[in-house]
Amino acid sequence: MTRVSITETNLRVRLAGEGPTVSRLVYGVWRLLDDPEGASVRRVLDKIHACLDCGITTFDHADIYGGYRCEETFGEALRASPGLREKIEIVTKCGIMLVDPARPENRIKHYDYSRRHIVSSVERSLRNLATDHLDVLLLHRPSPLLDPDEVAGTFERLRREGKVLHLGVSNFAPSQLEMLQSRLASRIVTNQVEVNPLRHDAFVDGTLDQCQRLGISPMAWSPTAGGRIFHGGGDVERRVRGALGELARKYAATPDAILFAWLLKHPSKMVPVLGTNRIDRIRTAASALAIELDLQDWFFLWTASTGWEVP
């Protein structure tokens, strides 16, 4: 069992060589409006400050979250607390077009990476989030109609204007990331993909290999599989829960801290995205930064998740 001191080294990571420095854990606002305690300015500020107290300074958004309302709710909190924006990094996404009352023009769910849409989405996000720049803009999902030259030209314009500092992608396969990167003058700084003990694809399909080869840190969304790891009734969930419980006792930690420590151990310098509305869970997740899992303990959880020992 190994405990490490929480220092600037394990609190921060640079997403790419010339990319932004972000916190080692990121707070995701996807469920911001689902908080049983509400989404008042005071409640949102309480969660932001709880994150900052734990060294979590990076916040992950998307234009569509909360029926296109989460960005604005978060922005209201920033407006109420002048100076807070300078203490945080903001990531947001664009490209998914939902059928939603907030977007009556959308007849069917689709993707849009036209110059016009990217620019209008960024402008709207800047207004909603009460900021003059986005630290990172992510393309939310790959589209079969994505034109890499149009996207590259649009990003370069937004970067020159100071509205978007860095570009990343989300849920892109390695070939899709390579294709877009071939048109960009600057480096794609991250690929945000689903990674957890119930979802191994990124470990074996070349996604994390590519991140290491290119020197970019991936972001891991849904690290708890939407809570299924702790509440699901399937055989895999029960095996993983049992392994997490055993390791939690060994490391005198909580099961969720062990889960995040498992992700943090990967050499790609993975950045897990938290999805909780509970302040106590923010704090226990942050305690993972002080845990260095033993090599065999990492494979103990891997084996529980796959159901068989490695070849």
Protein backbone atom coordinates (compact mmCIF):
# COMPACT_ATOMS: atom_id res chain seq x y z
CA MET A 1 0.00 0.00 0.00
CA THR A 2 1.39 3.37 -1.00
CA ARG A 3 0.28 6.86 -0.05
CA VAL A 4 1.81 9.90 -1.72
CA SER A 5 1.84 13.54 -0.75
CA ILE A 6 -0.60 15.74 -2.62
CA THR A 7 1.58 18.30 -4.37
CA GLU A 8 1.37 20.54 -7.42
CA THR A 9 2.81 17.61 -9.41
CA ASN A 10 -0.17 15.36 -8.86
CA LEU A 11 -2.75 18.15 -8.72
CA ARG A 12 -2.07 19.43 -12.24
CA VAL A 13 -1.32 18.04 -15.69
CA ARG A 14 -0.60 19.61 -19.07
CA LEU A 15 -2.98 18.15 -21.64
CA ALA A 16 -0.42 18.40 -24.43
CA GLY A 17 3.03 19.85 -25.06
CA GLU A 18 1.71 23.32 -25.86
CA GLY A 19 -1.71 22.71 -24.36
CA PRO A 20 -3.36 24.03 -21.22
CA THR A 21 -2.59 22.96 -17.68
CA VAL A 22 -5.68 21.54 -15.97
CA SER A 23 -6.47 19.90 -12.67
CA ARG A 24 -5.80 16.16 -12.40
CA LEU A 25 -9.51 15.63 -11.77
CA VAL A 26 -12.16 17.59 -13.63
CA TYR A 27 -15.66 18.44 -12.42
CA GLY A 28 -18.35 17.66 -14.99
CA VAL A 29 -21.58 19.66 -14.94
CA TRP A 30 -23.72 17.26 -17.00
CA ARG A 31 -26.08 16.63 -14.05
CA LEU A 32 -25.89 20.12 -12.56
CA LEU A 33 -29.66 20.63 -12.83
CA ASP A 34 -30.42 17.18 -11.36
CA ASP A 35 -29.09 18.08 -7.91
CA PRO A 36 -31.70 17.17 -5.25
CA GLU A 37 -30.62 20.33 -3.40
CA GLY A 38 -31.37 22.49 -6.41
CA ALA A 39 -29.29 24.58 -8.78
CA SER A 40 -29.41 27.97 -7.13
CA VAL A 41 -26.47 30.32 -7.48
CA ARG A 42 -25.52 29.56 -3.88
CA ARG A 43 -25.60 25.79 -4.42
CA VAL A 44 -23.54 25.99 -7.60
CA LEU A 45 -21.00 28.25 -5.89
CA ASP A 46 -20.77 25.82 -2.96
CA LYS A 47 -19.80 23.03 -5.38
CA ILE A 48 -17.32 25.22 -7.25
CA HIS A 49 -15.61 26.21 -4.01
CA ALA A 50 -15.62 22.61 -2.77
CA CYS A 51 -13.80 21.67 -5.97
CA LEU A 52 -11.28 24.49 -5.58
CA ASP A 53 -10.62 23.46 -1.98
CA CYS A 54 -9.70 20.00 -3.32
CA GLY A 55 -7.47 21.32 -6.10
CA ILE A 56 -10.08 20.75 -8.82
CA THR A 57 -10.01 23.86 -10.98
CA THR A 58 -11.25 22.56 -14.35
CA PHE A 59 -14.95 22.36 -15.23
CA ASP A 60 -16.35 20.33 -18.10
CA HIS A 61 -19.44 21.58 -19.95
CA ALA A 62 -21.32 21.01 -23.19
CA ASP A 63 -23.83 23.27 -24.87
CA ILE A 64 -26.49 20.52 -24.72
CA TYR A 65 -26.20 19.68 -21.02
CA GLY A 66 -29.38 20.14 -19.02
CA GLY A 67 -31.47 20.79 -22.11
CA TYR A 68 -29.10 23.57 -23.14
CA ARG A 69 -29.35 25.20 -19.68
CA CYS A 70 -26.34 24.07 -17.63
CA GLU A 71 -23.87 26.57 -19.10
CA GLU A 72 -26.15 29.47 -18.27
CA THR A 73 -26.75 28.20 -14.72
CA PHE A 74 -23.01 27.92 -14.15
CA GLY A 75 -22.48 31.37 -15.69
CA GLU A 76 -24.95 32.92 -13.26
CA ALA A 77 -22.75 31.68 -10.42
CA LEU A 78 -19.66 33.19 -12.05
CA ARG A 79 -21.45 36.52 -12.48
CA ALA A 80 -22.33 36.49 -8.79
CA SER A 81 -18.71 35.94 -7.77
CA PRO A 82 -16.39 38.38 -9.57
CA GLY A 83 -12.86 37.08 -9.90
CA LEU A 84 -13.83 33.41 -9.75
CA ARG A 85 -13.35 32.93 -13.49
CA GLU A 86 -9.62 33.66 -13.15
CA LYS A 87 -9.26 30.69 -10.78
CA ILE A 88 -10.75 28.05 -13.08
CA GLU A 89 -10.43 26.50 -16.54
CA ILE A 90 -13.54 26.02 -18.66
CA VAL A 91 -13.98 23.19 -21.15
CA THR A 92 -17.11 22.98 -23.27
CA LYS A 93 -18.33 21.04 -26.28
CA CYS A 94 -20.35 21.66 -29.41
CA GLY A 95 -21.65 19.72 -32.40
CA ILE A 96 -24.55 17.60 -31.12
CA MET A 97 -27.91 18.97 -32.22
CA LEU A 98 -30.71 17.68 -29.99
CA VAL A 99 -34.43 17.68 -30.62
CA ASP A 100 -35.35 19.93 -27.71
CA PRO A 101 -37.76 22.81 -26.99
CA ALA A 102 -34.70 25.06 -26.73
CA ARG A 103 -33.83 24.25 -30.36
CA PRO A 104 -37.16 24.06 -32.23
CA GLU A 105 -35.36 24.12 -35.59
CA ASN A 106 -33.89 20.65 -34.95
CA ARG A 107 -36.21 18.07 -36.55
CA ILE A 108 -33.91 15.12 -35.84
CA LYS A 109 -30.87 14.53 -33.67
CA HIS A 110 -27.79 15.18 -35.79
CA TYR A 111 -24.30 16.71 -35.78
CA ASP A 112 -23.23 20.08 -37.15
CA TYR A 113 -19.61 21.15 -37.53
CA SER A 114 -20.15 23.86 -40.10
CA ARG A 115 -18.26 27.11 -39.65
CA ARG A 116 -21.51 28.90 -38.97
CA HIS A 117 -22.60 26.52 -36.22
CA ILE A 118 -19.24 26.28 -34.45
CA VAL A 119 -18.91 30.07 -34.32
CA SER A 120 -22.51 30.61 -33.15
CA SER A 121 -22.18 27.86 -30.54
CA VAL A 122 -18.95 29.35 -29.17
CA GLU A 123 -20.48 32.83 -29.04
CA ARG A 124 -23.48 31.48 -27.15
CA SER A 125 -21.30 29.52 -24.72
CA LEU A 126 -19.22 32.62 -24.01
CA ARG A 127 -22.37 34.57 -23.16
CA ASN A 128 -23.86 31.76 -21.09
CA LEU A 129 -20.65 31.15 -19.15
CA ALA A 130 -19.97 34.84 -18.51
CA THR A 131 -16.48 34.65 -19.98
CA ASP A 132 -14.53 36.10 -22.88
CA HIS A 133 -12.71 32.87 -23.72
CA LEU A 134 -12.95 29.09 -23.54
CA ASP A 135 -9.84 27.30 -22.37
CA VAL A 136 -10.71 24.22 -24.43
CA LEU A 137 -13.43 23.59 -27.02
CA LEU A 138 -14.22 19.93 -27.73
CA LEU A 139 -15.98 18.53 -30.78
CA HIS A 140 -18.55 16.42 -28.96
CA ARG A 141 -18.98 13.45 -31.32
CA PRO A 142 -17.43 12.55 -34.68
CA SER A 143 -19.70 13.22 -37.65
CA PRO A 144 -19.61 11.37 -40.97
CA LEU A 145 -19.92 14.81 -42.59
CA LEU A 146 -17.17 16.56 -40.62
CA ASP A 147 -15.03 18.62 -43.00
CA PRO A 148 -11.56 18.82 -41.40
CA ASP A 149 -10.52 21.84 -43.46
CA GLU A 150 -13.61 23.80 -42.46
CA VAL A 151 -13.19 22.88 -38.79
CA ALA A 152 -9.48 23.75 -38.83
CA GLY A 153 -10.10 27.13 -40.46
CA THR A 154 -12.88 27.92 -38.01
CA PHE A 155 -10.77 27.04 -34.99
CA GLU A 156 -7.84 29.12 -36.22
CA ARG A 157 -10.17 32.10 -36.58
CA LEU A 158 -11.55 31.62 -33.06
CA ARG A 159 -8.05 31.17 -31.67
CA ARG A 160 -6.79 34.38 -33.33
CA GLU A 161 -9.76 36.23 -31.85
CA GLY A 162 -8.87 34.88 -28.39
CA LYS A 163 -12.25 33.20 -27.97
CA VAL A 164 -11.00 29.59 -27.93
CA LEU A 165 -7.49 28.87 -26.68
CA HIS A 166 -7.28 25.14 -27.46
CA LEU A 167 -9.15 22.50 -29.45
CA GLY A 168 -9.89 18.93 -28.44
CA VAL A 169 -12.25 16.14 -29.42
CA SER A 170 -14.57 13.77 -27.65
CA ASN A 171 -15.44 10.17 -28.51
CA PHE A 172 -13.18 10.20 -31.60
CA ALA A 173 -11.61 7.00 -32.88
CA PRO A 174 -7.84 7.17 -33.47
CA SER A 175 -8.27 7.46 -37.25
CA GLN A 176 -10.76 10.31 -36.85
CA LEU A 177 -8.43 12.22 -34.55
CA GLU A 178 -5.50 11.69 -36.95
CA MET A 179 -7.57 12.96 -39.87
CA LEU A 180 -8.52 16.19 -38.11
CA GLN A 181 -5.01 16.69 -36.68
CA SER A 182 -3.58 16.51 -40.21
CA ARG A 183 -5.37 19.77 -41.05
CA LEU A 184 -4.59 21.72 -37.88
CA ALA A 185 -1.60 23.98 -37.31
CA SER A 186 -1.86 23.46 -33.54
CA ARG A 187 -2.16 20.23 -31.61
CA ILE A 188 -5.42 18.62 -30.55
CA VAL A 189 -4.98 18.70 -26.77
CA THR A 190 -7.26 15.86 -25.61
CA ASN A 191 -9.72 13.17 -26.57
CA GLN A 192 -12.51 12.80 -24.01
CA VAL A 193 -13.69 9.19 -24.08
CA GLU A 194 -15.68 6.84 -21.89
CA VAL A 195 -13.33 4.86 -19.63
CA ASN A 196 -14.23 2.82 -16.57
CA PRO A 197 -13.94 -0.80 -15.37
CA LEU A 198 -17.11 -1.65 -17.30
CA ARG A 199 -15.90 -0.01 -20.51
CA HIS A 200 -12.44 -1.15 -21.66
CA ASP A 201 -12.51 -0.11 -25.33
CA ALA A 202 -10.05 2.76 -25.02
CA PHE A 203 -7.46 0.46 -23.42
CA VAL A 204 -7.43 -1.95 -26.35
CA ASP A 205 -8.66 -0.14 -29.49
CA GLY A 206 -5.65 2.17 -29.86
CA THR A 207 -7.25 5.27 -28.29
CA LEU A 208 -4.99 5.48 -25.23
CA ASP A 209 -2.01 4.24 -27.25
CA GLN A 210 -2.51 7.14 -29.65
CA CYS A 211 -2.77 9.63 -26.78
CA GLN A 212 0.58 8.47 -25.44
CA ARG A 213 2.19 8.53 -28.88
CA LEU A 214 0.99 12.08 -29.50
CA GLY A 215 1.74 13.24 -25.95
CA ILE A 216 -1.81 14.25 -25.07
CA SER A 217 -3.73 13.41 -21.91
CA PRO A 218 -7.17 11.87 -22.47
CA MET A 219 -10.16 12.86 -20.39
CA ALA A 220 -12.25 9.98 -19.02
CA TRP A 221 -15.98 10.60 -18.93
CA SER A 222 -18.40 8.43 -16.92
CA PRO A 223 -15.63 6.93 -14.75
CA THR A 224 -18.26 5.29 -12.50
CA ALA A 225 -20.32 4.07 -15.50
CA GLY A 226 -23.11 6.42 -14.51
CA GLY A 227 -23.15 4.94 -10.99
CA ARG A 228 -23.65 1.36 -12.22
CA ILE A 229 -20.36 0.30 -10.64
CA PHE A 230 -21.76 1.08 -7.20
CA HIS A 231 -25.44 0.25 -7.73
CA GLY A 232 -25.73 -2.11 -10.70
CA GLY A 233 -27.00 -5.65 -10.18
CA GLY A 234 -25.12 -7.49 -12.91
CA ASP A 235 -22.32 -10.00 -12.42
CA VAL A 236 -19.65 -7.60 -13.66
CA GLU A 237 -20.83 -4.80 -11.41
CA ARG A 238 -20.82 -7.13 -8.40
CA ARG A 239 -17.30 -8.38 -9.18
CA VAL A 240 -15.96 -4.86 -9.60
CA ARG A 241 -17.71 -3.69 -6.44
CA GLY A 242 -16.24 -6.57 -4.50
CA ALA A 243 -12.72 -5.82 -5.77
CA LEU A 244 -13.10 -2.11 -5.00
CA GLY A 245 -14.30 -2.93 -1.50
CA GLU A 246 -11.35 -5.22 -0.86
CA LEU A 247 -8.87 -2.63 -2.11
CA ALA A 248 -10.62 0.13 -0.16
CA ARG A 249 -10.02 -1.81 3.05
CA LYS A 250 -6.39 -2.41 2.14
CA TYR A 251 -5.72 1.27 1.37
CA ALA A 252 -7.99 2.66 4.11
CA ALA A 253 -9.88 4.57 1.43
CA THR A 254 -13.34 4.70 -0.10
CA PRO A 255 -14.25 2.51 -3.10
CA ASP A 256 -14.71 5.54 -5.34
CA ALA A 257 -11.26 6.85 -4.38
CA ILE A 258 -9.79 3.48 -5.40
CA LEU A 259 -11.65 3.66 -8.70
CA PHE A 260 -10.22 7.09 -9.51
CA ALA A 261 -6.74 6.01 -8.38
CA TRP A 262 -7.04 3.07 -10.83
CA LEU A 263 -7.69 5.49 -13.69
CA LEU A 264 -5.02 7.95 -12.57
CA LYS A 265 -2.37 5.22 -12.63
CA HIS A 266 -2.55 4.85 -16.41
CA PRO A 267 0.61 6.23 -18.08
CA SER A 268 -1.43 8.39 -20.49
CA LYS A 269 -2.00 10.73 -17.50
CA MET A 270 -5.73 10.27 -17.82
CA VAL A 271 -7.95 13.02 -16.43
CA PRO A 272 -11.18 11.59 -14.94
CA VAL A 273 -14.34 13.73 -15.13
CA LEU A 274 -16.43 13.62 -11.96
CA GLY A 275 -20.20 13.59 -12.35
CA THR A 276 -21.46 13.84 -8.78
CA ASN A 277 -23.63 16.54 -7.23
CA ARG A 278 -22.57 15.56 -3.71
CA ILE A 279 -19.86 17.64 -2.08
CA ASP A 280 -18.73 14.73 0.09
CA ARG A 281 -18.17 12.65 -3.07
CA ILE A 282 -16.11 15.45 -4.57
CA ARG A 283 -13.86 15.29 -1.52
CA THR A 284 -13.51 11.51 -1.51
CA ALA A 285 -12.73 11.52 -5.22
CA ALA A 286 -9.98 14.06 -4.61
CA SER A 287 -8.48 11.78 -1.95
CA ALA A 288 -7.51 9.46 -4.84
CA LEU A 289 -4.69 11.88 -5.63
CA ALA A 290 -2.89 10.60 -2.53
CA ILE A 291 -3.17 6.92 -3.49
CA GLU A 292 -0.61 5.06 -5.61
CA LEU A 293 -2.05 1.64 -6.42
CA ASP A 294 0.31 -1.30 -6.35
CA LEU A 295 0.83 -2.80 -9.82
CA GLN A 296 -0.81 -6.11 -8.87
CA ASP A 297 -3.73 -4.29 -7.25
CA TRP A 298 -4.32 -2.48 -10.55
CA PHE A 299 -4.51 -5.83 -12.34
CA PHE A 300 -6.67 -7.23 -9.53
CA LEU A 301 -9.36 -4.70 -10.47
CA TRP A 302 -8.74 -5.23 -14.21
CA THR A 303 -9.25 -8.97 -13.77
CA ALA A 304 -12.45 -8.40 -11.79
CA SER A 305 -13.76 -6.16 -14.54
CA THR A 306 -12.94 -8.47 -17.46
CA GLY A 307 -13.82 -11.69 -15.68
CA TRP A 308 -10.60 -13.50 -16.56
CA GLU A 309 -6.91 -13.24 -15.84
CA VAL A 310 -4.64 -11.63 -18.41
CA PRO A 311 -3.25 -14.07 -21.03
